[in-house]
């Protein structure tokens, strides 16, 4: 297949968002029930503001889960 043939092939084809739908379904299945978090008193404030943007710990956990399921790894730096 030449380069021009491949370009026409890609432009004329349809790609379905199967991977995104599967990822959404898996994250939804895991986060269907609220997580049970037992935090020490020293870090209990992280439950409501766990990120620099002020998102809760539940949002952080969902984001980490999405990255692990889609990429296979996730790095998090705690300071």
N, C-alpha and C. Protein backbone atom coordinates (compact mmCIF):
# COMPACT_ATOMS: atom_id res chain seq x y z
N UNK A 1 0.86 -1.17 0.00
CA UNK A 1 0.00 0.00 0.00
C UNK A 1 0.90 1.23 0.00
N UNK A 2 0.64 2.12 -0.89
CA UNK A 2 1.46 3.33 -0.97
C UNK A 2 0.97 4.35 0.06
N UNK A 3 1.72 5.41 0.21
CA UNK A 3 1.36 6.44 1.17
C UNK A 3 0.05 7.12 0.79
N UNK A 4 -0.14 7.42 -0.47
CA UNK A 4 -1.38 8.08 -0.90
C UNK A 4 -2.58 7.13 -0.74
N UNK A 5 -2.40 5.85 -1.01
CA UNK A 5 -3.47 4.88 -0.81
C UNK A 5 -3.83 4.78 0.67
N UNK A 6 -2.82 4.76 1.53
CA UNK A 6 -3.08 4.67 2.96
C UNK A 6 -3.81 5.92 3.46
N UNK A 7 -3.42 7.08 2.97
CA UNK A 7 -4.07 8.33 3.38
C UNK A 7 -5.55 8.31 2.98
N UNK A 8 -5.85 7.88 1.77
CA UNK A 8 -7.25 7.77 1.34
C UNK A 8 -8.00 6.73 2.16
N UNK A 9 -7.33 5.64 2.50
CA UNK A 9 -7.95 4.59 3.32
C UNK A 9 -8.34 5.12 4.69
N UNK A 10 -7.44 5.86 5.33
CA UNK A 10 -7.71 6.38 6.67
C UNK A 10 -8.79 7.46 6.61
N UNK A 11 -8.76 8.32 5.62
CA UNK A 11 -9.76 9.38 5.50
C UNK A 11 -11.15 8.82 5.21
N UNK A 12 -11.24 7.70 4.54
CA UNK A 12 -12.53 7.13 4.19
C UNK A 12 -13.08 6.14 5.19
N UNK A 13 -12.34 5.86 6.24
CA UNK A 13 -12.79 4.83 7.19
C UNK A 13 -13.48 5.47 8.38
N UNK A 14 -14.21 4.65 9.11
CA UNK A 14 -14.91 5.07 10.32
C UNK A 14 -14.25 4.42 11.52
N UNK A 15 -14.04 5.21 12.56
CA UNK A 15 -13.48 4.69 13.79
C UNK A 15 -14.51 4.89 14.90
N UNK A 16 -14.83 3.83 15.59
CA UNK A 16 -15.80 3.89 16.67
C UNK A 16 -15.07 4.03 17.99
N UNK A 17 -15.69 4.73 18.93
CA UNK A 17 -15.08 4.98 20.23
C UNK A 17 -15.33 3.80 21.18
N UNK A 18 -14.96 2.61 20.74
CA UNK A 18 -15.19 1.42 21.55
C UNK A 18 -14.34 1.45 22.82
N UNK A 19 -13.10 1.84 22.68
CA UNK A 19 -12.21 1.85 23.84
C UNK A 19 -12.69 2.86 24.88
N UNK A 20 -13.13 4.02 24.45
CA UNK A 20 -13.62 5.04 25.39
C UNK A 20 -14.89 4.56 26.09
N UNK A 21 -15.77 3.94 25.36
CA UNK A 21 -17.01 3.43 25.97
C UNK A 21 -16.72 2.32 26.97
N UNK A 22 -15.78 1.46 26.64
CA UNK A 22 -15.40 0.40 27.56
C UNK A 22 -14.77 0.98 28.82
N UNK A 23 -13.90 1.96 28.65
CA UNK A 23 -13.26 2.60 29.80
C UNK A 23 -14.30 3.27 30.69
N UNK A 24 -15.24 3.98 30.10
CA UNK A 24 -16.30 4.62 30.89
C UNK A 24 -17.12 3.58 31.66
N UNK A 25 -17.43 2.48 31.01
CA UNK A 25 -18.19 1.42 31.67
C UNK A 25 -17.44 0.80 32.82
N UNK A 26 -16.14 0.57 32.64
CA UNK A 26 -15.34 -0.03 33.72
C UNK A 26 -15.20 0.93 34.90
N UNK A 27 -14.94 2.20 34.62
CA UNK A 27 -14.83 3.19 35.70
C UNK A 27 -16.17 3.33 36.39
N UNK A 28 -17.25 3.34 35.64
CA UNK A 28 -18.58 3.43 36.23
C UNK A 28 -18.91 2.23 37.10
N UNK A 29 -18.49 1.05 36.68
CA UNK A 29 -18.76 -0.15 37.48
C UNK A 29 -18.01 -0.12 38.80
N UNK A 30 -16.78 0.39 38.76
CA UNK A 30 -15.97 0.44 39.99
C UNK A 30 -16.48 1.53 40.93
N UNK A 31 -16.85 2.68 40.37
CA UNK A 31 -17.24 3.81 41.21
C UNK A 31 -18.74 3.90 41.44
N UNK A 32 -19.47 2.84 41.13
CA UNK A 32 -20.91 2.83 41.33
C UNK A 32 -21.25 3.06 42.80
N UNK A 33 -20.55 2.41 43.67
CA UNK A 33 -20.74 2.60 45.11
C UNK A 33 -19.67 3.55 45.64
N UNK A 34 -20.05 4.36 46.59
CA UNK A 34 -19.10 5.32 47.18
C UNK A 34 -18.00 4.55 47.91
N UNK A 35 -16.75 4.99 47.77
CA UNK A 35 -15.66 4.29 48.46
C UNK A 35 -15.74 4.51 49.97
N UNK A 36 -15.26 3.52 50.69
CA UNK A 36 -15.19 3.63 52.14
C UNK A 36 -13.78 4.07 52.48
N UNK A 37 -13.65 5.29 52.96
CA UNK A 37 -12.34 5.87 53.26
C UNK A 37 -12.19 6.07 54.76
N UNK A 38 -11.19 5.45 55.31
CA UNK A 38 -10.88 5.64 56.72
C UNK A 38 -9.55 6.38 56.78
N UNK A 39 -9.62 7.68 57.06
CA UNK A 39 -8.43 8.51 57.07
C UNK A 39 -8.05 8.88 58.49
N UNK A 40 -6.75 8.97 58.77
CA UNK A 40 -6.33 9.48 60.08
C UNK A 40 -6.75 10.94 60.22
N UNK A 41 -6.85 11.39 61.44
CA UNK A 41 -7.28 12.77 61.70
C UNK A 41 -6.35 13.79 61.05
N UNK A 42 -5.07 13.46 60.94
CA UNK A 42 -4.10 14.41 60.38
C UNK A 42 -4.40 14.75 58.92
N UNK A 43 -4.95 13.82 58.17
CA UNK A 43 -5.21 14.07 56.75
C UNK A 43 -6.69 13.99 56.41
N UNK A 44 -7.55 14.14 57.40
CA UNK A 44 -8.99 14.07 57.15
C UNK A 44 -9.46 15.20 56.24
N UNK A 45 -8.74 16.30 56.21
CA UNK A 45 -9.11 17.42 55.34
C UNK A 45 -8.96 17.10 53.86
N UNK A 46 -8.19 16.07 53.54
CA UNK A 46 -8.01 15.68 52.14
C UNK A 46 -9.29 15.11 51.53
N UNK A 47 -10.22 14.72 52.35
CA UNK A 47 -11.46 14.14 51.84
C UNK A 47 -12.19 15.15 50.94
N UNK A 48 -12.12 16.43 51.30
CA UNK A 48 -12.83 17.46 50.55
C UNK A 48 -11.95 18.22 49.56
N UNK A 49 -10.64 18.27 49.81
CA UNK A 49 -9.71 18.99 48.92
C UNK A 49 -8.41 18.21 48.84
N UNK A 50 -8.35 17.27 47.89
CA UNK A 50 -7.18 16.39 47.78
C UNK A 50 -6.23 16.82 46.67
N UNK A 51 -6.66 17.74 45.82
CA UNK A 51 -5.81 18.18 44.71
C UNK A 51 -5.57 19.68 44.80
N UNK A 52 -4.64 20.17 44.00
CA UNK A 52 -4.38 21.60 43.95
C UNK A 52 -5.58 22.38 43.42
N UNK A 53 -6.38 21.73 42.59
CA UNK A 53 -7.56 22.37 42.04
C UNK A 53 -8.73 22.38 43.03
N UNK A 54 -8.58 21.70 44.16
CA UNK A 54 -9.62 21.66 45.18
C UNK A 54 -10.63 20.54 45.01
N UNK A 55 -10.30 19.54 44.19
CA UNK A 55 -11.21 18.41 43.99
C UNK A 55 -11.14 17.46 45.19
N UNK A 56 -12.22 16.74 45.39
CA UNK A 56 -12.29 15.82 46.53
C UNK A 56 -11.46 14.57 46.27
N UNK A 57 -11.31 13.78 47.31
CA UNK A 57 -10.55 12.54 47.21
C UNK A 57 -11.25 11.54 46.28
N UNK A 58 -12.56 11.57 46.24
CA UNK A 58 -13.30 10.70 45.33
C UNK A 58 -12.97 10.99 43.87
N UNK A 59 -12.86 12.27 43.52
CA UNK A 59 -12.52 12.66 42.15
C UNK A 59 -11.08 12.24 41.83
N UNK A 60 -10.19 12.39 42.79
CA UNK A 60 -8.80 11.97 42.60
C UNK A 60 -8.71 10.47 42.38
N UNK A 61 -9.44 9.70 43.14
CA UNK A 61 -9.43 8.25 42.99
C UNK A 61 -9.99 7.83 41.63
N UNK A 62 -11.05 8.49 41.18
CA UNK A 62 -11.62 8.17 39.87
C UNK A 62 -10.65 8.52 38.74
N UNK A 63 -9.97 9.64 38.88
CA UNK A 63 -8.98 10.04 37.88
C UNK A 63 -7.82 9.05 37.83
N UNK A 64 -7.34 8.63 38.98
CA UNK A 64 -6.25 7.65 39.04
C UNK A 64 -6.69 6.32 38.44
N UNK A 65 -7.90 5.90 38.74
CA UNK A 65 -8.43 4.65 38.18
C UNK A 65 -8.52 4.73 36.66
N UNK A 66 -9.00 5.85 36.15
CA UNK A 66 -9.12 6.03 34.70
C UNK A 66 -7.75 5.93 34.03
N UNK A 67 -6.73 6.54 34.63
CA UNK A 67 -5.39 6.50 34.06
C UNK A 67 -4.80 5.09 34.11
N UNK A 68 -5.01 4.39 35.21
CA UNK A 68 -4.47 3.03 35.33
C UNK A 68 -5.14 2.10 34.33
N UNK A 69 -6.45 2.22 34.16
CA UNK A 69 -7.15 1.35 33.22
C UNK A 69 -6.80 1.67 31.77
N UNK A 70 -6.53 2.92 31.46
CA UNK A 70 -6.26 3.27 30.06
C UNK A 70 -4.79 3.12 29.69
N UNK A 71 -3.88 3.42 30.62
CA UNK A 71 -2.45 3.37 30.30
C UNK A 71 -1.72 2.20 30.94
N UNK A 72 -2.28 1.66 32.00
CA UNK A 72 -1.63 0.55 32.68
C UNK A 72 -0.72 0.97 33.82
N UNK A 73 -0.57 2.26 34.00
CA UNK A 73 0.27 2.78 35.11
C UNK A 73 -0.15 4.18 35.44
N UNK A 74 0.24 4.65 36.62
CA UNK A 74 -0.11 6.00 37.06
C UNK A 74 0.89 6.41 38.13
N UNK A 75 1.41 7.58 38.02
CA UNK A 75 2.34 8.10 39.02
C UNK A 75 1.68 9.24 39.78
N UNK A 76 1.89 9.24 41.08
CA UNK A 76 1.33 10.29 41.92
C UNK A 76 2.40 10.73 42.90
N UNK A 77 2.63 12.02 42.97
CA UNK A 77 3.63 12.57 43.87
C UNK A 77 2.92 13.21 45.05
N UNK A 78 3.20 12.76 46.23
CA UNK A 78 2.62 13.31 47.44
C UNK A 78 3.69 14.11 48.17
N UNK A 79 3.32 15.31 48.53
CA UNK A 79 4.27 16.18 49.22
C UNK A 79 3.74 16.56 50.58
